Amino acid sequence: MVAEIQQIQQLRQQLQAASYAYYVLDAPIMPDEVYDRLYRQLQELESDNPELITAESPTQRVGEKPATQFFSVKHNIPLYSLENAFNFEEFAKWQERWQRIAPPLT
């Protein structure tokens, strides 16, 4: 249990630093794929140890305050992400959702 606590704390620190750098400083410190893998690892550890979940965990919050030097853009066609698909099965599920919601391309 001590090892899990330490691992959770380390993952939270890494993810919080990465979120701050990405959202506030506009200076990412790790690739998105690394962040996504660390985030998923934290989710799994917290799922296995729900008593260790805290309100400050990155899994319980939504990002940081966005940087203010940028302006919003409304896209004519919505942008859909892969939602962190890490394998073919997750990609196939994403593709099914996409086909239900995406406007037909003409």
C-alpha atoms as a PDB file:
ATOM      1  CA  MET A   1       0.000   0.000   0.000  1.00  0.00           C
ATOM      2  CA  VAL A   2       2.886   2.369   0.741  1.00  0.00           C
ATOM      3  CA  ALA A   3       4.227   1.841  -2.775  1.00  0.00           C
ATOM      4  CA  GLU A   4       0.820   2.689  -4.266  1.00  0.00           C
ATOM      5  CA  ILE A   5       0.566   5.857  -2.172  1.00  0.00           C
ATOM      6  CA  GLN A   6       3.999   7.001  -3.325  1.00  0.00           C
ATOM      7  CA  GLN A   7       3.245   6.162  -6.945  1.00  0.00           C
ATOM      8  CA  ILE A   8      -0.067   8.036  -6.820  1.00  0.00           C
ATOM      9  CA  GLN A   9       1.611  11.093  -5.270  1.00  0.00           C
ATOM     10  CA  GLN A  10       4.356  11.050  -7.893  1.00  0.00           C
ATOM     11  CA  LEU A  11       1.873  10.722 -10.762  1.00  0.00           C
ATOM     12  CA  ARG A  12      -0.245  13.567  -9.391  1.00  0.00           C
ATOM     13  CA  GLN A  13       2.787  15.845  -9.139  1.00  0.00           C
ATOM     14  CA  GLN A  14       3.893  15.015 -12.681  1.00  0.00           C
ATOM     15  CA  LEU A  15       0.417  15.529 -14.111  1.00  0.00           C
ATOM     16  CA  GLN A  16      -0.203  18.775 -12.224  1.00  0.00           C
ATOM     17  CA  ALA A  17       3.120  20.204 -13.399  1.00  0.00           C
ATOM     18  CA  ALA A  18       2.373  19.135 -16.970  1.00  0.00           C
ATOM     19  CA  SER A  19      -1.135  20.634 -16.890  1.00  0.00           C
ATOM     20  CA  TYR A  20       0.160  23.945 -15.564  1.00  0.00           C
ATOM     21  CA  ALA A  21       2.884  24.090 -18.204  1.00  0.00           C
ATOM     22  CA  TYR A  22       0.443  23.199 -20.975  1.00  0.00           C
ATOM     23  CA  TYR A  23      -2.587  25.311 -20.055  1.00  0.00           C
ATOM     24  CA  VAL A  24      -1.085  28.307 -18.275  1.00  0.00           C
ATOM     25  CA  LEU A  25       2.422  28.683 -19.666  1.00  0.00           C
ATOM     26  CA  ASP A  26       1.647  27.344 -23.157  1.00  0.00           C
ATOM     27  CA  ALA A  27       4.936  25.459 -22.838  1.00  0.00           C
ATOM     28  CA  PRO A  28       4.310  21.697 -22.717  1.00  0.00           C
ATOM     29  CA  ILE A  29       6.874  19.679 -20.784  1.00  0.00           C
ATOM     30  CA  MET A  30       5.838  16.264 -22.109  1.00  0.00           C
ATOM     31  CA  PRO A  31       4.139  14.876 -25.214  1.00  0.00           C
ATOM     32  CA  ASP A  32       0.367  14.388 -25.034  1.00  0.00           C
ATOM     33  CA  GLU A  33       0.749  10.625 -25.336  1.00  0.00           C
ATOM     34  CA  VAL A  34       2.983  10.519 -22.242  1.00  0.00           C
ATOM     35  CA  TYR A  35       0.517  12.656 -20.295  1.00  0.00           C
ATOM     36  CA  ASP A  36      -2.370  10.422 -21.375  1.00  0.00           C
ATOM     37  CA  ARG A  37      -0.541   7.264 -20.293  1.00  0.00           C
ATOM     38  CA  LEU A  38       0.376   8.733 -16.896  1.00  0.00           C
ATOM     39  CA  TYR A  39      -3.215   9.920 -16.451  1.00  0.00           C
ATOM     40  CA  ARG A  40      -4.588   6.483 -17.261  1.00  0.00           C
ATOM     41  CA  GLN A  41      -2.081   4.893 -14.873  1.00  0.00           C
ATOM     42  CA  LEU A  42      -3.293   7.236 -12.120  1.00  0.00           C
ATOM     43  CA  GLN A  43      -6.928   6.416 -12.922  1.00  0.00           C
ATOM     44  CA  GLU A  44      -6.198   2.706 -12.599  1.00  0.00           C
ATOM     45  CA  LEU A  45      -4.363   3.131  -9.290  1.00  0.00           C
ATOM     46  CA  GLU A  46      -7.186   5.255  -7.896  1.00  0.00           C
ATOM     47  CA  SER A  47      -9.764   2.771  -9.142  1.00  0.00           C
ATOM     48  CA  ASP A  48      -7.916  -0.015  -7.323  1.00  0.00           C
ATOM     49  CA  ASN A  49      -7.530   2.179  -4.207  1.00  0.00           C
ATOM     50  CA  PRO A  50     -10.607   4.464  -4.049  1.00  0.00           C
ATOM     51  CA  GLU A  51      -9.799   5.459  -0.483  1.00  0.00           C
ATOM     52  CA  LEU A  52      -6.766   7.334  -1.877  1.00  0.00           C
ATOM     53  CA  ILE A  53      -8.770   9.572  -4.230  1.00  0.00           C
ATOM     54  CA  THR A  54      -8.641  13.242  -3.262  1.00  0.00           C
ATOM     55  CA  ALA A  55     -10.377  16.316  -4.657  1.00  0.00           C
ATOM     56  CA  GLU A  56      -6.967  17.673  -5.719  1.00  0.00           C
ATOM     57  CA  SER A  57      -6.206  14.693  -7.954  1.00  0.00           C
ATOM     58  CA  PRO A  58      -5.950  15.510 -11.663  1.00  0.00           C
ATOM     59  CA  THR A  59      -8.550  12.783 -12.244  1.00  0.00           C
ATOM     60  CA  GLN A  60     -11.057  14.822 -10.230  1.00  0.00           C
ATOM     61  CA  ARG A  61     -10.480  18.187 -11.923  1.00  0.00           C
ATOM     62  CA  VAL A  62     -10.797  19.624 -15.404  1.00  0.00           C
ATOM     63  CA  GLY A  63      -7.551  21.219 -16.590  1.00  0.00           C
ATOM     64  CA  GLU A  64      -6.092  24.522 -15.486  1.00  0.00           C
ATOM     65  CA  LYS A  65      -7.217  28.045 -16.237  1.00  0.00           C
ATOM     66  CA  PRO A  66      -6.482  28.532 -19.921  1.00  0.00           C
ATOM     67  CA  ALA A  67      -3.900  31.040 -21.054  1.00  0.00           C
ATOM     68  CA  THR A  68      -5.440  34.451 -21.748  1.00  0.00           C
ATOM     69  CA  GLN A  69      -3.299  35.584 -24.678  1.00  0.00           C
ATOM     70  CA  PHE A  70      -5.302  33.473 -27.134  1.00  0.00           C
ATOM     71  CA  PHE A  71      -8.748  34.080 -28.582  1.00  0.00           C
ATOM     72  CA  SER A  72     -11.537  31.564 -29.109  1.00  0.00           C
ATOM     73  CA  VAL A  73     -12.329  30.224 -32.545  1.00  0.00           C
ATOM     74  CA  LYS A  74     -15.643  28.726 -33.594  1.00  0.00           C
ATOM     75  CA  HIS A  75     -15.093  25.933 -36.085  1.00  0.00           C
ATOM     76  CA  ASN A  76     -17.570  25.395 -38.907  1.00  0.00           C
ATOM     77  CA  ILE A  77     -17.152  21.651 -38.487  1.00  0.00           C
ATOM     78  CA  PRO A  78     -16.772  20.318 -34.937  1.00  0.00           C
ATOM     79  CA  LEU A  79     -13.406  18.818 -34.053  1.00  0.00           C
ATOM     80  CA  TYR A  80     -13.562  15.372 -32.493  1.00  0.00           C
ATOM     81  CA  SER A  81     -10.623  13.815 -30.717  1.00  0.00           C
ATOM     82  CA  LEU A  82      -9.659  10.178 -30.504  1.00  0.00           C
ATOM     83  CA  GLU A  83     -10.289  10.411 -26.753  1.00  0.00           C
ATOM     84  CA  ASN A  84      -7.003   8.727 -25.893  1.00  0.00           C
ATOM     85  CA  ALA A  85      -7.511   5.509 -27.816  1.00  0.00           C
ATOM     86  CA  PHE A  86      -4.500   3.367 -26.943  1.00  0.00           C
ATOM     87  CA  ASN A  87      -5.361   0.179 -28.802  1.00  0.00           C
ATOM     88  CA  PHE A  88      -7.478  -1.078 -31.683  1.00  0.00           C
ATOM     89  CA  GLU A  89     -10.472  -1.945 -29.482  1.00  0.00           C
ATOM     90  CA  GLU A  90     -10.615   1.588 -28.048  1.00  0.00           C
ATOM     91  CA  PHE A  91     -10.204   3.021 -31.538  1.00  0.00           C
ATOM     92  CA  ALA A  92     -13.058   0.850 -32.848  1.00  0.00           C
ATOM     93  CA  LYS A  93     -15.349   2.095 -30.050  1.00  0.00           C
ATOM     94  CA  TRP A  94     -14.388   5.680 -30.850  1.00  0.00           C
ATOM     95  CA  GLN A  95     -15.093   5.074 -34.542  1.00  0.00           C
ATOM     96  CA  GLU A  96     -18.574   3.736 -33.723  1.00  0.00           C
ATOM     97  CA  ARG A  97     -19.342   6.860 -31.652  1.00  0.00           C
ATOM     98  CA  TRP A  98     -17.933   9.073 -34.402  1.00  0.00           C
ATOM     99  CA  GLN A  99     -20.149   7.503 -37.058  1.00  0.00           C
ATOM    100  CA  ARG A 100     -23.240   8.160 -34.909  1.00  0.00           C
ATOM    101  CA  ILE A 101     -22.511  11.843 -34.274  1.00  0.00           C
ATOM    102  CA  ALA A 102     -20.412  13.100 -37.183  1.00  0.00           C
ATOM    103  CA  PRO A 103     -22.113  15.087 -39.910  1.00  0.00           C
ATOM    104  CA  PRO A 104     -21.949  13.399 -43.314  1.00  0.00           C
ATOM    105  CA  LEU A 105     -19.114  14.703 -45.468  1.00  0.00           C
ATOM    106  CA  THR A 106     -20.282  15.965 -48.843  1.00  0.00           C
END
